[in-house]
């Protein structure tokens, strides 16, 4: 009792096998391309903000710090001038008024 193969069934099996192989190759290719796309997107999410910071935000921040330091210097100069004025006023009072009231 031998197994007899029907040619139509064999052709159908061959067709299904080829179709399955084609589907598997397409799925593997899609997974590979999807992985590459994800890598590119995540790299962009990491690199683009850093690049924007270096190109645009860092120079602005440096300028702001420079301006802040200038304001601090001007404030210190004004404070020194006010102290000098107070000392001169005290000297003037001690020389001419003596700080005495009647």
Protein backbone atom coordinates (compact mmCIF):
# COMPACT_ATOMS: atom_id res chain seq x y z
CA UNK A 1 0.00 0.00 0.00
CA UNK A 2 1.89 3.00 -1.22
CA UNK A 3 1.10 6.65 -0.78
CA UNK A 4 -0.18 8.17 -3.89
CA UNK A 5 0.31 11.87 -4.35
CA UNK A 6 -2.19 13.97 -6.14
CA UNK A 7 -0.44 16.45 -8.46
CA UNK A 8 -2.96 19.21 -7.64
CA UNK A 9 -2.25 18.85 -3.91
CA UNK A 10 1.50 18.95 -4.50
CA UNK A 11 1.17 22.06 -6.64
CA UNK A 12 -0.98 23.71 -3.96
CA UNK A 13 1.58 22.77 -1.27
CA UNK A 14 4.39 24.21 -3.39
CA UNK A 15 2.43 27.40 -3.95
CA UNK A 16 1.67 27.78 -0.23
CA UNK A 17 5.31 27.15 0.67
CA UNK A 18 6.53 29.79 -1.77
CA UNK A 19 3.92 32.27 -0.54
CA UNK A 20 4.90 31.58 3.09
CA UNK A 21 8.57 32.10 2.22
CA UNK A 22 7.77 35.39 0.49
CA UNK A 23 5.75 36.59 3.50
CA UNK A 24 8.53 35.65 5.93
CA UNK A 25 11.17 37.48 3.87
CA UNK A 26 8.95 40.57 3.70
CA UNK A 27 8.36 40.46 7.48
CA UNK A 28 12.10 40.11 8.15
CA UNK A 29 12.87 43.01 5.79
CA UNK A 30 10.20 45.18 7.46
CA UNK A 31 11.57 44.40 10.90
CA UNK A 32 15.10 45.30 9.79
CA UNK A 33 14.01 48.56 8.16
CA UNK A 34 11.87 49.39 11.19
CA UNK A 35 14.88 48.90 13.46
CA UNK A 36 16.99 51.19 11.29
CA UNK A 37 14.21 53.81 11.30
CA UNK A 38 13.90 53.62 15.11
CA UNK A 39 17.66 54.04 15.44
CA UNK A 40 17.59 57.13 13.23
CA UNK A 41 14.65 58.64 15.12
CA UNK A 42 16.20 58.06 18.57
CA UNK A 43 19.53 59.41 17.37
CA UNK A 44 17.75 62.53 16.13
CA UNK A 45 15.95 62.89 19.49
CA UNK A 46 19.31 62.86 21.23
CA UNK A 47 21.45 64.86 18.80
CA UNK A 48 19.01 67.58 17.64
CA UNK A 49 18.43 69.15 21.10
CA UNK A 50 22.17 69.12 21.79
CA UNK A 51 22.86 70.75 18.43
CA UNK A 52 20.17 73.37 19.02
CA UNK A 53 21.66 74.14 22.42
CA UNK A 54 25.15 74.56 20.99
CA UNK A 55 24.00 76.63 18.02
CA UNK A 56 21.41 78.90 19.59
CA UNK A 57 21.06 78.69 23.35
CA UNK A 58 24.72 78.61 24.44
CA UNK A 59 25.66 81.95 22.82
CA UNK A 60 22.56 83.59 24.30
CA UNK A 61 23.38 82.19 27.74
CA UNK A 62 26.97 83.43 27.48
CA UNK A 63 25.74 86.90 26.54
CA UNK A 64 23.30 86.87 29.46
CA UNK A 65 26.07 85.89 31.87
CA UNK A 66 28.31 88.63 30.49
CA UNK A 67 25.52 91.19 30.94
CA UNK A 68 24.85 89.91 34.47
CA UNK A 69 28.53 90.30 35.36
CA UNK A 70 28.50 93.86 33.98
CA UNK A 71 25.44 94.67 36.07
CA UNK A 72 27.16 93.23 39.14
CA UNK A 73 30.25 95.33 38.42
CA UNK A 74 28.18 98.48 38.00
CA UNK A 75 26.34 97.72 41.21
CA UNK A 76 29.63 97.31 43.08
CA UNK A 77 30.89 100.62 41.67
CA UNK A 78 27.70 102.39 42.70
CA UNK A 79 27.95 100.90 46.18
CA UNK A 80 31.57 102.08 46.48
CA UNK A 81 30.58 105.59 45.33
CA UNK A 82 27.75 105.75 47.87
CA UNK A 83 30.13 104.71 50.65
CA UNK A 84 32.63 107.35 49.49
CA UNK A 85 29.86 109.95 49.54
CA UNK A 86 28.81 108.91 53.04
CA UNK A 87 32.41 109.17 54.27
CA UNK A 88 32.76 112.62 52.69
CA UNK A 89 29.50 113.71 54.33
CA UNK A 90 30.68 112.47 57.71
CA UNK A 91 33.99 114.31 57.25
CA UNK A 92 32.12 117.47 56.29
CA UNK A 93 29.89 117.19 59.34
CA UNK A 94 32.82 116.62 61.66
CA UNK A 95 34.78 119.57 60.18
CA UNK A 96 32.02 122.17 60.06
CA UNK A 97 29.06 121.14 62.10
CA UNK A 98 30.50 118.86 64.64
CA UNK A 99 27.21 117.07 64.61
CA UNK A 100 25.89 119.36 67.40
CA UNK A 101 22.36 120.67 67.38
CA UNK A 102 20.94 123.41 69.65
